[in-house]
């Protein structure tokens, strides 16, 4: 009887292997950057299921997770907030599909009186050239820079726009997650940090304009707001079957309307 049970389980595993099968209750799966997961994929999966009756497994993580699950065949789709270099993507047979544009919010403590900073000021703060709020029209207090250091081997959009070619300001508080950036800025009156708008707008922080341009989907789509980064879903080769059906939904009018709740549209 025990042997029969073992053989039965072995047959089930062979029918539902981990490669390409997200879970027995899902038709296709996604894992990757928490920005896209929290900001759109969960809602997109629900809307897709409601429309077509097909379930999409969704799990957060980071860019490395998104790459790993697709390369290993554990899920059909992965999520990236930093693009792969073209040669690396070709080597891994990964296709990057731009699905949204993330809006990077400059956050200050809620009691900081400033409401605007120039892009140069934000850059100089991150590069250690400005260290006191008085230098940008604020109070005579030291600046506590909080910086998320990630995707060092990829083209990270904040580093690129702010001209950060090496380490940030020496006294910066360097953290590993966007959640930590938000939490530090919430806590310390002299803090400044940059995080995805989808997280910043849910926190007790002040989102300031940059060059007097507010961090909104409209301004980002018009090319006015400078701090942004493309978000991608990656697939192993060109998608087909149910994966293509979901990708078409994401990039279609209905999917992009969901994307636009927290991001700028891909097109």
Protein backbone atom coordinates (compact mmCIF):
# COMPACT_ATOMS: atom_id res chain seq x y z
CA UNK A 1 0.00 0.00 0.00
CA UNK A 2 2.82 2.36 0.93
CA UNK A 3 4.66 1.50 -2.29
CA UNK A 4 1.52 2.21 -4.30
CA UNK A 5 1.20 5.62 -2.61
CA UNK A 6 4.82 6.50 -3.40
CA UNK A 7 4.38 5.50 -7.04
CA UNK A 8 1.19 7.53 -7.28
CA UNK A 9 2.93 10.62 -5.88
CA UNK A 10 5.81 10.12 -8.29
CA UNK A 11 3.36 10.09 -11.20
CA UNK A 12 1.76 13.30 -9.96
CA UNK A 13 5.17 14.99 -9.74
CA UNK A 14 6.00 13.86 -13.28
CA UNK A 15 2.73 15.30 -14.55
CA UNK A 16 3.12 18.58 -12.63
CA UNK A 17 6.86 19.31 -12.60
CA UNK A 18 8.18 22.58 -11.10
CA UNK A 19 9.42 23.84 -14.47
CA UNK A 20 6.81 26.11 -15.99
CA UNK A 21 4.16 25.12 -13.44
CA UNK A 22 3.55 27.84 -10.87
CA UNK A 23 1.19 25.85 -8.69
CA UNK A 24 -1.47 23.19 -9.31
CA UNK A 25 -4.16 25.86 -9.05
CA UNK A 26 -2.55 28.35 -11.49
CA UNK A 27 -2.34 28.37 -15.26
CA UNK A 28 0.80 30.54 -15.56
CA UNK A 29 3.10 32.26 -13.10
CA UNK A 30 5.11 35.42 -12.39
CA UNK A 31 7.75 36.35 -9.84
CA UNK A 32 9.99 39.39 -9.62
CA UNK A 33 10.47 42.97 -8.53
CA UNK A 34 8.17 43.87 -5.68
CA UNK A 35 7.54 47.27 -7.29
CA UNK A 36 5.67 45.77 -10.22
CA UNK A 37 4.17 42.97 -8.13
CA UNK A 38 2.58 45.27 -5.56
CA UNK A 39 1.89 48.13 -7.95
CA UNK A 40 0.16 46.24 -10.76
CA UNK A 41 0.65 42.47 -11.18
CA UNK A 42 -1.68 41.46 -8.36
CA UNK A 43 -4.47 43.62 -9.81
CA UNK A 44 -3.68 42.54 -13.37
CA UNK A 45 -3.89 38.87 -12.38
CA UNK A 46 -7.28 39.38 -10.73
CA UNK A 47 -8.64 41.28 -13.74
CA UNK A 48 -7.27 38.64 -16.15
CA UNK A 49 -8.88 35.83 -14.18
CA UNK A 50 -12.20 37.65 -14.04
CA UNK A 51 -12.17 38.22 -17.79
CA UNK A 52 -10.84 34.87 -19.01
CA UNK A 53 -11.19 32.49 -16.07
CA UNK A 54 -7.43 31.83 -16.11
CA UNK A 55 -5.33 32.07 -12.98
CA UNK A 56 -1.94 33.79 -12.80
CA UNK A 57 0.29 32.97 -9.84
CA UNK A 58 1.98 36.17 -8.60
CA UNK A 59 4.88 36.42 -6.16
CA UNK A 60 7.15 39.33 -5.26
CA UNK A 61 10.91 39.43 -4.89
CA UNK A 62 13.73 41.20 -6.68
CA UNK A 63 15.20 41.39 -10.15
CA UNK A 64 17.47 38.40 -9.43
CA UNK A 65 14.42 36.32 -8.51
CA UNK A 66 12.68 37.33 -11.73
CA UNK A 67 15.64 36.24 -13.82
CA UNK A 68 16.21 33.00 -11.93
CA UNK A 69 12.65 31.66 -12.08
CA UNK A 70 12.40 32.20 -15.84
CA UNK A 71 15.86 30.79 -16.62
CA UNK A 72 15.13 27.71 -14.48
CA UNK A 73 11.66 27.31 -15.98
CA UNK A 74 9.93 27.65 -12.60
CA UNK A 75 7.61 30.39 -13.89
CA UNK A 76 6.78 31.70 -17.34
CA UNK A 77 7.34 35.37 -16.41
CA UNK A 78 9.72 37.40 -14.26
CA UNK A 79 9.73 41.05 -13.25
CA UNK A 80 12.61 43.54 -13.54
CA UNK A 81 13.02 47.15 -12.38
CA UNK A 82 16.52 47.34 -13.88
CA UNK A 83 17.03 46.17 -17.47
CA UNK A 84 19.40 43.40 -18.44
CA UNK A 85 22.24 44.31 -20.77
CA UNK A 86 21.27 43.18 -24.31
CA UNK A 87 24.17 40.72 -24.53
CA UNK A 88 23.23 39.06 -21.22
CA UNK A 89 19.58 38.84 -22.26
CA UNK A 90 20.59 37.17 -25.53
CA UNK A 91 22.88 34.74 -23.73
CA UNK A 92 20.06 33.67 -21.41
CA UNK A 93 17.46 33.71 -24.23
CA UNK A 94 15.37 36.23 -22.28
CA UNK A 95 13.05 38.73 -23.93
CA UNK A 96 12.35 41.95 -22.01
CA UNK A 97 8.87 43.43 -22.44
CA UNK A 98 8.46 46.99 -21.19
CA UNK A 99 5.08 47.10 -19.44
CA UNK A 100 5.19 50.26 -17.30
CA UNK A 101 7.29 53.23 -16.23
CA UNK A 102 8.01 53.52 -12.52
CA UNK A 103 7.85 56.98 -10.95
CA UNK A 104 10.65 57.57 -8.46
CA UNK A 105 9.44 59.87 -5.68
CA UNK A 106 11.77 62.16 -3.74
CA UNK A 107 10.63 61.86 -0.14
CA UNK A 108 11.26 64.13 2.86
CA UNK A 109 10.10 63.81 6.44
CA UNK A 110 6.51 65.02 6.79
CA UNK A 111 7.59 68.04 8.87
CA UNK A 112 10.26 69.26 6.45
CA UNK A 113 9.04 72.67 5.18
CA UNK A 114 10.50 72.28 1.68
CA UNK A 115 8.17 71.37 -1.16
CA UNK A 116 10.53 71.40 -4.15
CA UNK A 117 14.10 70.54 -5.01
CA UNK A 118 15.92 70.89 -8.30
CA UNK A 119 17.29 67.78 -9.97
CA UNK A 120 20.79 69.18 -9.49
CA UNK A 121 20.18 69.62 -5.77
CA UNK A 122 18.95 66.03 -5.47
CA UNK A 123 22.03 64.88 -7.40
CA UNK A 124 24.40 66.97 -5.25
CA UNK A 125 22.85 65.58 -2.06
CA UNK A 126 23.38 62.02 -3.27
CA UNK A 127 26.93 62.76 -4.38
CA UNK A 128 27.88 64.42 -1.08
CA UNK A 129 28.17 67.99 -2.38
CA UNK A 130 25.21 69.27 -0.33
CA UNK A 131 25.09 68.14 3.30
CA UNK A 132 22.89 70.69 5.10
CA UNK A 133 19.27 71.65 4.44
CA UNK A 134 20.27 75.33 4.69
CA UNK A 135 22.12 74.93 1.37
CA UNK A 136 18.81 74.31 -0.41
CA UNK A 137 16.71 76.90 1.41
CA UNK A 138 15.73 74.78 4.40
CA UNK A 139 16.60 74.77 8.07
CA UNK A 140 20.17 74.72 9.35
CA UNK A 141 20.20 70.97 9.96
CA UNK A 142 22.31 68.14 8.54
CA UNK A 143 20.84 66.04 5.75
CA UNK A 144 20.36 62.34 6.45
CA UNK A 145 20.52 60.66 3.05
CA UNK A 146 18.89 57.24 2.82
CA UNK A 147 19.84 55.28 -0.28
CA UNK A 148 18.84 51.87 -1.59
CA UNK A 149 21.85 50.24 -3.18
CA UNK A 150 20.74 47.49 -5.52
CA UNK A 151 21.26 46.01 -8.98
CA UNK A 152 24.87 47.18 -9.05
CA UNK A 153 25.63 45.08 -12.15
CA UNK A 154 22.63 46.49 -14.03
CA UNK A 155 21.57 49.93 -15.29
CA UNK A 156 19.74 51.19 -12.19
CA UNK A 157 17.69 54.28 -13.20
CA UNK A 158 18.19 56.45 -10.08
CA UNK A 159 21.97 56.11 -10.17
CA UNK A 160 21.98 56.94 -13.87
CA UNK A 161 19.78 60.05 -13.68
CA UNK A 162 21.59 61.42 -10.62
CA UNK A 163 25.04 60.74 -12.04
CA UNK A 164 26.09 58.37 -9.25
CA UNK A 165 29.08 56.54 -10.72
CA UNK A 166 30.43 55.11 -7.48
CA UNK A 167 29.49 55.19 -3.80
CA UNK A 168 26.95 57.78 -2.63
CA UNK A 169 27.69 60.44 0.01
CA UNK A 170 29.98 59.05 2.73
CA UNK A 171 27.50 59.54 5.58
CA UNK A 172 24.56 58.06 3.72
CA UNK A 173 22.40 55.40 5.32
CA UNK A 174 22.63 52.59 2.77
CA UNK A 175 19.79 50.07 2.88
CA UNK A 176 18.69 47.05 0.85
CA UNK A 177 14.96 47.61 0.33
CA UNK A 178 12.53 50.36 -0.64
CA UNK A 179 10.63 49.60 2.56
CA UNK A 180 13.68 50.57 4.61
CA UNK A 181 14.08 53.82 2.66
CA UNK A 182 10.48 54.77 3.40
CA UNK A 183 10.72 53.80 7.07
CA UNK A 184 13.89 55.84 7.65
CA UNK A 185 12.42 58.93 5.98
CA UNK A 186 9.25 58.57 8.04
CA UNK A 187 11.31 58.40 11.23
CA UNK A 188 14.10 61.00 10.87
CA UNK A 189 13.23 64.73 10.46
CA UNK A 190 16.40 65.43 8.45
CA UNK A 191 16.02 62.52 6.07
CA UNK A 192 15.68 62.36 2.31
CA UNK A 193 15.25 59.28 0.16
CA UNK A 194 14.00 58.12 -3.21
CA UNK A 195 11.53 55.25 -3.58
CA UNK A 196 8.85 54.16 -6.04
CA UNK A 197 5.82 56.42 -5.82
CA UNK A 198 3.60 53.36 -5.29
CA UNK A 199 5.23 52.91 -1.86
CA UNK A 200 5.82 56.57 -1.03
CA UNK A 201 2.18 57.56 -1.49
CA UNK A 202 1.15 54.96 1.10
CA UNK A 203 3.59 56.30 3.71
CA UNK A 204 3.66 59.25 6.12
CA UNK A 205 6.22 61.21 4.12
CA UNK A 206 6.24 64.35 2.00
CA UNK A 207 6.70 63.79 -1.73
CA UNK A 208 8.33 66.90 -3.17
CA UNK A 209 8.34 68.11 -6.74
CA UNK A 210 11.55 68.11 -8.77
CA UNK A 211 12.25 71.26 -10.78
CA UNK A 212 8.67 72.20 -9.81
CA UNK A 213 7.30 69.14 -11.59
CA UNK A 214 5.10 66.82 -9.53
CA UNK A 215 5.72 63.07 -9.56
CA UNK A 216 2.58 62.00 -11.44
CA UNK A 217 1.79 59.54 -14.25
CA UNK A 218 0.75 62.45 -16.48
CA UNK A 219 4.00 64.38 -16.02
CA UNK A 220 6.08 61.23 -16.44
CA UNK A 221 4.30 60.26 -19.68
CA UNK A 222 4.86 63.78 -21.03
CA UNK A 223 8.59 63.48 -20.31
CA UNK A 224 8.49 66.29 -17.75
CA UNK A 225 9.27 64.41 -14.56
CA UNK A 226 12.91 63.24 -14.66
CA UNK A 227 13.17 60.48 -12.05
CA UNK A 228 11.72 57.34 -13.57
CA UNK A 229 12.61 53.82 -14.59
CA UNK A 230 11.15 51.31 -17.03
CA UNK A 231 9.57 48.15 -15.62
CA UNK A 232 9.78 44.88 -17.53
CA UNK A 233 8.25 41.43 -17.66
CA UNK A 234 10.74 38.92 -19.03
CA UNK A 235 10.01 35.63 -20.78
CA UNK A 236 12.15 32.76 -22.07
CA UNK A 237 12.06 33.57 -25.76
CA UNK A 238 8.97 35.11 -27.30
CA UNK A 239 5.84 34.29 -25.30
CA UNK A 240 3.19 31.99 -26.71
CA UNK A 241 -0.02 30.34 -25.58
CA UNK A 242 -1.42 31.57 -22.27
CA UNK A 243 1.67 33.65 -21.55
CA UNK A 244 1.17 35.62 -24.76
CA UNK A 245 -2.51 36.01 -23.93
CA UNK A 246 -1.61 37.53 -20.56
CA UNK A 247 1.10 39.76 -22.06
CA UNK A 248 -1.36 41.03 -24.68
CA UNK A 249 -3.78 41.81 -21.86
CA UNK A 250 -1.12 43.70 -19.86
CA UNK A 251 -0.09 45.78 -22.86
CA UNK A 252 -3.64 46.35 -24.06
CA UNK A 253 -5.95 49.19 -23.13
CA UNK A 254 -7.49 47.44 -20.13
CA UNK A 255 -4.16 46.33 -18.71
CA UNK A 256 -2.50 49.71 -19.19
CA UNK A 257 -5.40 51.39 -17.38
CA UNK A 258 -4.56 49.20 -14.38
CA UNK A 259 -0.86 49.99 -14.79
CA UNK A 260 -1.65 53.70 -14.72
CA UNK A 261 -3.10 53.55 -11.21
CA UNK A 262 0.44 53.62 -9.86
CA UNK A 263 2.78 54.01 -12.84
CA UNK A 264 3.06 55.74 -16.18
CA UNK A 265 1.94 53.72 -19.19
CA UNK A 266 4.44 51.72 -21.21
CA UNK A 267 3.56 53.47 -24.48
